[in-house]
Amino acid sequence: MTTARDRSTESFHDSDAIGQEAIARTAGISARSGLALPLPASGIWRFRSRFLGDNRVSTAAAITMGEGDTPVVPLSRWGARHGLNRVYAKLDGANPTGSYKDRGMSILVSVARAIGASHLVEDSSGNAGASAAAYAARAGMSCTVYAPANAPAPKLRQIRAYGAELIPVPGPRSAVADAARNAGSVPGAYHVSHNDNPLFVVGNQSLGFELSETAAVLGCDGLPWHIVMPVGGGALFMGAAMALLDSSTDRTGSSEAYVNQAAWGAKRGGEVSSAVSIPRLHAAQTTHCAPIAVAFGRGESDPASVVRRPTVCGGIEIERPHRGSDILHAIAATGGSAVARDDTDILKARDDLAMLEGIYAEPTSASALAALAQLAGAGTIGPDDLVFVIVTGSGLKDPGPS
């Protein structure tokens, strides 16, 4: 008999059984005004009826480029080096603009256009700005992106390539957000604000839905399963948490209200489906900016006050995460953890992933690999536990220092 562990060398994509079965089950999405072929829903939009937090998503015409259903590949050599037999990478750098941000942006831009917005304003260290610019172009909207003056050059070039206006802002990340907030207050403009906007979290729920499908196929053999991902503002982490912890909670109202409901504690150890239990969620940060990891280490329920230092992990360089308390709540609700690693360890994890597995990740993404290595070494994650590590962005966009 073939066991789940025997299947540890398999990989999954939307062209394989998981995606094909799901697509076959799903009815076509609503008319898209010529923006896409009238094919059955795939990618994140096949979860349209399951998204929590904003009823406008159910009726908005989808602005989509096939985001979601990203590859899941085994990390056999990397796992062996760290004593892990069943570790898989979810390659969200394979999304249309090269990062996970396309999951949330597709939903957010679809609703923005549906409510009459004609111009998007975004603040971003790079990936979200590129995603906003691309989906604005897809929707026939204009876009202005405020970005840190020291953001990686490839990301800034990508933003300009989509025709967006790019405005570099010197100073801390908070200065970039303030500039965009002011610009987004004019009539006809929509401030994307992915780090604060609940709609962005809605699209990121697709990650949790996809991973629960994959875990059901691979099987957990009665052992815990884990998801490790980089965390800055926490939009991806909270989106996945909402999807994985949901079973019967009321789906009306905002996603921010949902995460504060008593259902969190009640669902710890509950069922995502009949096939898999709720995974343990682990947040990865850099020691140069670790408000979540520091708070977790102290046993606190609110983000710690930290002083940001320059870091190679620009995507998670957020001192005061808006969703910080909810992130810590989700970690506690799932029995997870938060880990901060030094930039030197993160760059080594980036290089090891490339040399051992052929996967080129940006430093922000590699923070999850560095955190996973520490969790495995400490015995927090067992050798036969099923583990998914989220590679949130491609190294082609931000290679980081050599």
Protein backbone atom coordinates (compact mmCIF):
# COMPACT_ATOMS: atom_id res chain seq x y z
CA MET A 1 0.00 0.00 0.00
CA THR A 2 1.26 3.48 -0.84
CA THR A 3 1.39 5.71 2.23
CA ALA A 4 1.40 9.47 2.43
CA ARG A 5 5.10 9.31 3.22
CA ASP A 6 5.75 7.29 0.06
CA ARG A 7 4.22 10.18 -1.85
CA SER A 8 6.70 12.71 -0.42
CA THR A 9 8.45 13.09 -3.79
CA GLU A 10 5.29 14.12 -5.60
CA SER A 11 4.57 17.71 -6.60
CA PHE A 12 1.25 19.37 -7.21
CA HIS A 13 0.06 22.13 -9.53
CA ASP A 14 -3.30 23.17 -10.86
CA SER A 15 -2.74 20.89 -13.86
CA ASP A 16 -2.60 17.91 -11.51
CA ALA A 17 -5.36 16.07 -9.70
CA ILE A 18 -5.99 18.68 -7.00
CA GLY A 19 -6.57 21.58 -9.35
CA GLN A 20 -8.38 19.61 -12.01
CA GLU A 21 -10.80 18.08 -9.55
CA ALA A 22 -11.50 21.46 -7.99
CA ILE A 23 -11.99 23.15 -11.36
CA ALA A 24 -14.39 20.41 -12.42
CA ARG A 25 -16.42 21.02 -9.26
CA THR A 26 -16.59 24.76 -9.72
CA ALA A 27 -19.06 26.70 -11.86
CA GLY A 28 -17.81 29.49 -14.13
CA ILE A 29 -17.25 32.92 -12.63
CA SER A 30 -19.37 35.93 -13.59
CA ALA A 31 -19.01 37.80 -16.89
CA ARG A 32 -15.74 39.72 -17.15
CA SER A 33 -16.41 42.23 -19.92
CA GLY A 34 -13.91 40.56 -22.21
CA LEU A 35 -11.14 40.58 -19.61
CA ALA A 36 -10.81 36.80 -19.66
CA LEU A 37 -12.11 33.82 -21.55
CA PRO A 38 -15.39 32.36 -20.19
CA LEU A 39 -13.70 29.27 -18.79
CA PRO A 40 -14.56 27.55 -15.50
CA ALA A 41 -13.17 29.36 -12.47
CA SER A 42 -9.59 28.48 -11.61
CA GLY A 43 -6.96 29.89 -9.30
CA ILE A 44 -8.25 31.98 -6.42
CA TRP A 45 -11.62 32.65 -8.04
CA ARG A 46 -12.73 29.05 -7.68
CA PHE A 47 -13.10 29.89 -3.97
CA ARG A 48 -15.39 32.85 -4.64
CA SER A 49 -18.29 31.33 -2.70
CA ARG A 50 -16.05 30.49 0.28
CA PHE A 51 -14.30 33.83 0.78
CA LEU A 52 -15.02 35.42 4.14
CA GLY A 53 -15.32 39.06 5.05
CA ASP A 54 -16.89 41.12 2.24
CA ASN A 55 -20.06 40.26 0.34
CA ARG A 56 -19.04 42.51 -2.56
CA VAL A 57 -16.57 39.84 -3.67
CA SER A 58 -19.43 37.51 -4.61
CA THR A 59 -20.76 39.89 -7.27
CA ALA A 60 -17.72 41.83 -8.51
CA ALA A 61 -16.49 41.05 -12.03
CA ALA A 62 -13.17 39.27 -11.65
CA ILE A 63 -10.00 41.13 -12.64
CA THR A 64 -7.74 38.12 -12.96
CA MET A 65 -4.57 36.81 -14.59
CA GLY A 66 -4.79 33.26 -13.27
CA GLU A 67 -3.30 34.00 -9.85
CA GLY A 68 -3.30 31.20 -7.28
CA ASP A 69 -3.01 27.41 -7.61
CA THR A 70 0.77 27.87 -7.45
CA PRO A 71 3.12 24.86 -7.51
CA VAL A 72 3.85 22.78 -4.44
CA VAL A 73 7.20 20.98 -4.70
CA PRO A 74 9.08 18.71 -2.28
CA LEU A 75 12.31 19.96 -0.72
CA SER A 76 13.95 16.57 -0.38
CA ARG A 77 17.60 17.64 -0.20
CA TRP A 78 16.95 20.74 1.89
CA GLY A 79 14.73 18.72 4.21
CA ALA A 80 17.32 15.97 4.63
CA ARG A 81 19.89 18.54 5.70
CA HIS A 82 17.54 19.65 8.50
CA GLY A 83 16.15 16.26 9.49
CA LEU A 84 12.74 16.77 7.83
CA ASN A 85 11.22 14.06 5.65
CA ARG A 86 8.06 15.79 4.43
CA VAL A 87 8.71 19.44 3.70
CA TYR A 88 7.22 21.17 0.65
CA ALA A 89 7.61 24.64 -0.82
CA LYS A 90 4.56 26.55 -2.02
CA LEU A 91 5.98 28.65 -4.86
CA ASP A 92 3.96 31.85 -4.76
CA GLY A 93 6.66 33.58 -6.76
CA ALA A 94 4.99 31.80 -9.70
CA ASN A 95 2.03 34.19 -9.52
CA PRO A 96 1.63 36.57 -12.50
CA THR A 97 3.75 39.45 -11.13
CA GLY A 98 6.16 37.23 -9.21
CA SER A 99 4.79 37.34 -5.67
CA TYR A 100 1.90 36.26 -3.46
CA LYS A 101 0.53 39.82 -3.58
CA ASP A 102 -1.49 38.93 -6.68
CA ARG A 103 -3.87 36.83 -4.57
CA GLY A 104 -5.13 39.79 -2.58
CA MET A 105 -4.73 42.34 -5.35
CA SER A 106 -7.02 40.51 -7.77
CA ILE A 107 -9.86 40.62 -5.22
CA LEU A 108 -9.13 44.17 -4.10
CA VAL A 109 -8.95 45.67 -7.61
CA SER A 110 -12.07 43.77 -8.68
CA VAL A 111 -14.08 45.35 -5.87
CA ALA A 112 -12.48 48.78 -6.36
CA ARG A 113 -13.53 48.83 -9.98
CA ALA A 114 -16.99 47.51 -9.11
CA ILE A 115 -17.60 50.46 -6.75
CA GLY A 116 -16.54 52.98 -9.38
CA ALA A 117 -12.88 53.72 -8.67
CA SER A 118 -10.85 54.79 -11.70
CA HIS A 119 -7.44 55.36 -10.09
CA LEU A 120 -5.45 53.24 -7.63
CA VAL A 121 -2.98 54.60 -5.10
CA GLU A 122 -0.64 52.16 -3.34
CA ASP A 123 2.25 52.31 -0.89
CA SER A 124 4.67 49.44 -1.19
CA SER A 125 8.24 48.25 -0.76
CA GLY A 126 7.95 46.82 -4.26
CA ASN A 127 5.93 43.63 -4.69
CA ALA A 128 2.51 45.05 -3.82
CA GLY A 129 3.23 48.13 -5.93
CA ALA A 130 4.04 45.97 -8.94
CA SER A 131 0.91 43.91 -8.35
CA ALA A 132 -1.30 47.00 -8.00
CA ALA A 133 0.17 48.50 -11.17
CA ALA A 134 -0.37 45.28 -13.11
CA TYR A 135 -3.96 44.72 -12.01
CA ALA A 136 -4.78 48.39 -12.60
CA ALA A 137 -3.52 47.99 -16.16
CA ARG A 138 -5.57 44.80 -16.50
CA ALA A 139 -8.69 46.67 -15.35
CA GLY A 140 -8.07 49.74 -17.51
CA MET A 141 -7.39 51.93 -14.46
CA SER A 142 -4.57 54.36 -13.77
CA CYS A 143 -2.24 53.86 -10.83
CA THR A 144 0.22 55.76 -8.66
CA VAL A 145 2.66 53.87 -6.44
CA TYR A 146 4.57 55.41 -3.55
CA ALA A 147 7.65 53.32 -2.77
CA PRO A 148 10.67 53.59 -0.47
CA ALA A 149 13.48 55.40 -2.24
CA ASN A 150 15.78 52.44 -1.49
CA ALA A 151 13.42 49.73 -2.82
CA PRO A 152 15.08 47.10 -5.10
CA ALA A 153 15.60 48.49 -8.62
CA PRO A 154 14.03 45.47 -10.43
CA LYS A 155 10.79 45.99 -8.49
CA LEU A 156 10.71 49.69 -9.35
CA ARG A 157 11.33 48.94 -13.04
CA GLN A 158 8.47 46.47 -12.98
CA ILE A 159 6.09 49.07 -11.53
CA ARG A 160 6.99 51.52 -14.29
CA ALA A 161 6.63 48.83 -16.95
CA TYR A 162 2.88 48.61 -16.28
CA GLY A 163 2.50 52.34 -16.91
CA ALA A 164 2.06 53.37 -13.29
CA GLU A 165 3.35 56.63 -11.90
CA LEU A 166 6.13 55.85 -9.41
CA ILE A 167 6.95 58.29 -6.60
CA PRO A 168 9.98 57.37 -4.46
CA VAL A 169 9.69 58.49 -0.82
CA PRO A 170 12.75 58.87 1.45
CA GLY A 171 12.62 57.91 5.11
CA PRO A 172 10.92 55.06 6.97
CA ARG A 173 8.18 52.81 5.63
CA SER A 174 5.58 54.80 7.60
CA ALA A 175 6.42 57.92 5.54
CA VAL A 176 5.55 56.03 2.36
CA ALA A 177 2.19 54.99 3.78
CA ASP A 178 1.39 58.53 4.89
CA ALA A 179 2.14 59.94 1.44
CA ALA A 180 -0.10 57.39 -0.26
CA ARG A 181 -2.90 57.90 2.26
CA ASN A 182 -3.00 61.61 1.47
CA ALA A 183 -3.00 61.00 -2.29
CA GLY A 184 -5.74 58.38 -2.03
CA SER A 185 -8.24 60.74 -0.42
CA VAL A 186 -9.21 62.56 -3.63
CA PRO A 187 -12.49 61.71 -5.50
CA GLY A 188 -12.21 58.77 -7.89
CA ALA A 189 -9.06 57.44 -6.23
CA TYR A 190 -8.89 54.24 -4.22
CA HIS A 191 -6.15 53.81 -1.64
CA VAL A 192 -5.15 50.16 -1.94
CA SER A 193 -3.30 50.12 1.41
CA HIS A 194 -2.70 46.37 1.26
CA ASN A 195 -1.27 46.29 4.78
CA ASP A 196 -4.53 47.66 6.23
CA ASN A 197 -7.26 46.81 3.71
CA PRO A 198 -9.44 43.82 4.73
CA LEU A 199 -10.14 43.03 1.06
CA PHE A 200 -6.50 42.13 0.58
CA VAL A 201 -6.82 39.55 3.35
CA VAL A 202 -9.89 38.08 1.64
CA GLY A 203 -7.92 37.15 -1.48
CA ASN A 204 -5.15 35.65 0.62
CA GLN A 205 -7.59 33.17 2.12
CA SER A 206 -7.04 31.23 -1.11
CA LEU A 207 -3.64 30.14 0.19
CA GLY A 208 -5.26 28.39 3.15
CA PHE A 209 -7.88 26.73 0.97
CA GLU A 210 -5.24 25.45 -1.46
CA LEU A 211 -2.97 24.10 1.25
CA SER A 212 -5.83 22.27 2.98
CA GLU A 213 -6.57 20.56 -0.34
CA THR A 214 -2.93 19.56 -0.77
CA ALA A 215 -2.63 18.33 2.82
CA ALA A 216 -5.71 16.17 2.31
CA VAL A 217 -4.04 14.51 -0.69
CA LEU A 218 -0.65 14.04 0.96
CA GLY A 219 -2.10 12.91 4.29
CA CYS A 220 -0.78 13.70 7.74
CA ASP A 221 -0.56 10.14 9.14
CA GLY A 222 -2.04 11.35 12.41
CA LEU A 223 0.85 13.80 12.96
CA PRO A 224 0.69 17.61 13.13
CA TRP A 225 1.10 19.64 9.99
CA HIS A 226 2.65 23.08 9.76
CA ILE A 227 2.73 26.20 7.60
CA VAL A 228 5.72 28.54 7.86
CA MET A 229 5.69 31.94 6.15
CA PRO A 230 7.29 35.39 6.31
CA VAL A 231 5.25 37.92 8.30
CA GLY A 232 5.42 41.70 8.13
CA GLY A 233 1.98 43.29 7.97
CA GLY A 234 0.42 39.84 8.22
CA ALA A 235 -2.07 39.97 5.34
CA LEU A 236 -1.05 36.55 3.98
CA PHE A 237 -0.78 35.00 7.42
CA MET A 238 -4.22 36.24 8.47
CA GLY A 239 -5.81 35.27 5.16
CA ALA A 240 -4.54 31.70 5.49
CA ALA A 241 -5.56 31.59 9.16
CA MET A 242 -9.10 32.72 8.41
CA ALA A 243 -9.54 30.09 5.71
CA LEU A 244 -8.10 27.27 7.79
CA LEU A 245 -9.98 28.12 10.97
CA ASP A 246 -13.34 28.71 9.31
CA SER A 247 -16.12 26.15 9.41
CA SER A 248 -19.41 27.80 10.29
CA THR A 249 -18.70 31.34 11.47
CA ASP A 250 -20.98 34.07 10.06
CA ARG A 251 -19.51 35.30 6.79
CA THR A 252 -20.88 38.82 6.89
CA GLY A 253 -19.03 41.93 8.01
CA SER A 254 -15.35 42.74 7.77
CA SER A 255 -12.47 40.29 7.89
CA GLU A 256 -10.98 42.28 10.75
CA ALA A 257 -14.11 41.67 12.82
CA TYR A 258 -14.01 37.96 12.02
CA VAL A 259 -10.55 37.40 13.43
CA ASN A 260 -11.61 38.71 16.82
CA GLN A 261 -14.53 36.34 17.30
CA ALA A 262 -14.56 33.69 19.99
CA ALA A 263 -14.49 31.02 17.29
CA TRP A 264 -10.67 31.18 17.30
CA GLY A 265 -10.26 29.34 20.58
CA ALA A 266 -13.12 26.96 19.92
CA LYS A 267 -11.64 25.85 16.61
CA ARG A 268 -8.16 25.01 17.82
CA GLY A 269 -7.63 21.42 16.83
CA GLY A 270 -10.91 21.39 14.90
CA GLU A 271 -11.54 20.32 11.35
CA VAL A 272 -10.82 22.23 8.14
CA SER A 273 -12.45 19.38 6.24
CA SER A 274 -13.13 15.74 6.97
CA ALA A 275 -9.58 14.95 5.85
CA VAL A 276 -7.17 17.25 7.71
CA SER A 277 -6.88 18.99 11.07
CA ILE A 278 -5.99 22.64 11.54
CA PRO A 279 -2.26 23.21 10.95
CA ARG A 280 0.11 24.99 13.27
CA LEU A 281 0.95 28.41 11.85
CA HIS A 282 4.47 29.79 12.24
CA ALA A 283 5.51 33.39 11.56
CA ALA A 284 9.02 34.14 10.29
CA GLN A 285 10.70 37.52 10.82
CA THR A 286 14.14 39.10 10.73
CA THR A 287 15.83 40.07 13.99
CA HIS A 288 16.24 43.53 12.45
CA CYS A 289 12.47 44.08 12.70
CA ALA A 290 10.63 41.48 14.80
CA PRO A 291 7.64 42.92 16.68
CA ILE A 292 5.71 39.63 16.41
CA ALA A 293 8.55 37.27 17.30
CA VAL A 294 9.64 39.41 20.26
CA ALA A 295 6.07 39.56 21.59
CA PHE A 296 5.64 35.80 21.12
CA GLY A 297 8.84 35.13 23.02
CA ARG A 298 7.59 37.25 25.90
CA GLY A 299 4.16 35.63 25.93
CA GLU A 300 2.48 38.93 25.06
CA SER A 301 -0.70 39.39 23.05
CA ASP A 302 0.24 42.69 21.36
CA PRO A 303 3.20 43.42 19.07
CA ALA A 304 6.36 44.50 20.84
CA SER A 305 7.78 47.97 20.42
CA VAL A 306 10.95 47.55 18.38
CA VAL A 307 13.52 49.79 16.72
CA ARG A 308 13.86 48.88 13.05
CA ARG A 309 17.36 48.32 11.70
CA PRO A 310 18.27 48.12 7.99
CA THR A 311 17.52 44.65 6.66
CA VAL A 312 17.68 42.62 3.46
CA CYS A 313 14.06 41.61 4.13
CA GLY A 314 12.28 44.74 2.96
CA GLY A 315 8.98 42.92 2.49
CA ILE A 316 8.60 42.28 6.25
CA GLU A 317 10.19 45.47 7.56
CA ILE A 318 7.11 46.70 9.41
CA GLU A 319 7.62 47.98 12.94
CA ARG A 320 3.96 48.44 13.90
CA PRO A 321 1.84 45.85 12.07
CA HIS A 322 -1.83 46.85 11.96
CA ARG A 323 -2.88 43.21 12.40
CA GLY A 324 -0.25 42.39 15.01
CA SER A 325 -2.62 41.35 17.80
CA ASP A 326 -4.63 39.20 15.41
CA ILE A 327 -1.45 37.50 14.18
CA LEU A 328 -0.45 36.63 17.74
CA HIS A 329 -3.99 35.41 18.39
CA ALA A 330 -3.86 33.14 15.33
CA ILE A 331 -0.48 31.74 16.40
CA ALA A 332 -1.90 30.90 19.82
CA ALA A 333 -5.12 29.50 18.36
CA THR A 334 -3.22 27.02 16.18
CA GLY A 335 -0.40 26.12 18.57
CA GLY A 336 2.14 27.79 16.29
CA SER A 337 5.10 30.04 16.93
CA ALA A 338 7.00 33.13 15.78
CA VAL A 339 10.72 33.01 15.01
CA ALA A 340 13.19 35.75 14.10
CA ARG A 341 16.50 34.97 12.39
CA ASP A 342 19.42 37.24 11.64
CA ASP A 343 19.87 38.53 8.08
CA THR A 344 23.05 36.46 7.73
CA ASP A 345 21.10 33.26 8.47
CA ILE A 346 18.37 34.33 6.07
CA LEU A 347 20.80 34.90 3.21
CA LYS A 348 22.36 31.50 3.86
CA ALA A 349 18.89 29.93 3.71
CA ARG A 350 18.30 31.70 0.38
CA ASP A 351 21.55 30.33 -1.04
CA ASP A 352 20.95 26.80 0.29
CA LEU A 353 17.48 26.71 -1.26
CA ALA A 354 18.88 27.71 -4.64
CA MET A 355 21.82 25.30 -4.58
CA LEU A 356 20.00 22.31 -3.11
CA GLU A 357 16.61 22.63 -4.78
CA GLY A 358 16.98 25.03 -7.72
CA ILE A 359 14.55 27.56 -6.23
CA TYR A 360 15.62 31.20 -6.33
CA ALA A 361 13.81 33.15 -3.62
CA GLU A 362 14.05 36.77 -2.51
CA PRO A 363 15.51 37.30 0.98
CA THR A 364 12.09 38.05 2.51
CA SER A 365 10.90 34.62 1.37
CA ALA A 366 14.05 32.95 2.66
CA SER A 367 13.23 34.13 6.17
CA ALA A 368 10.67 31.31 6.28
CA LEU A 369 13.33 28.73 5.42
CA ALA A 370 15.64 30.11 8.09
CA ALA A 371 12.82 29.98 10.64
CA LEU A 372 11.92 26.43 9.63
CA ALA A 373 15.53 25.32 10.10
CA GLN A 374 15.46 26.66 13.66
CA LEU A 375 12.07 25.08 14.43
CA ALA A 376 13.31 21.71 13.17
CA GLY A 377 16.52 21.98 15.16
CA ALA A 378 14.58 22.77 18.33
CA GLY A 379 12.22 19.82 17.83
CA THR A 380 9.18 22.08 17.49
CA ILE A 381 8.54 20.42 14.13
CA GLY A 382 9.06 16.66 14.05
CA PRO A 383 10.95 14.76 11.34
CA ASP A 384 7.81 13.16 9.88
CA ASP A 385 5.46 16.14 10.28
CA LEU A 386 4.02 17.52 7.05
CA VAL A 387 5.40 21.04 6.48
CA PHE A 388 4.62 23.71 3.91
CA VAL A 389 6.97 26.68 3.65
CA ILE A 390 5.67 29.63 1.63
CA VAL A 391 8.12 31.08 -0.88
CA THR A 392 6.33 34.39 -1.23
CA GLY A 393 8.40 36.04 -3.96
CA SER A 394 10.93 35.36 -6.70
CA GLY A 395 14.62 36.15 -6.32
CA LEU A 396 14.50 37.59 -9.84
CA LYS A 397 12.73 40.62 -8.33
CA ASP A 398 15.00 41.07 -5.32
CA PRO A 399 18.15 38.94 -5.31
CA GLY A 400 19.53 40.72 -2.26
CA PRO A 401 23.28 40.97 -1.55
CA SER A 402 25.53 38.20 -2.77
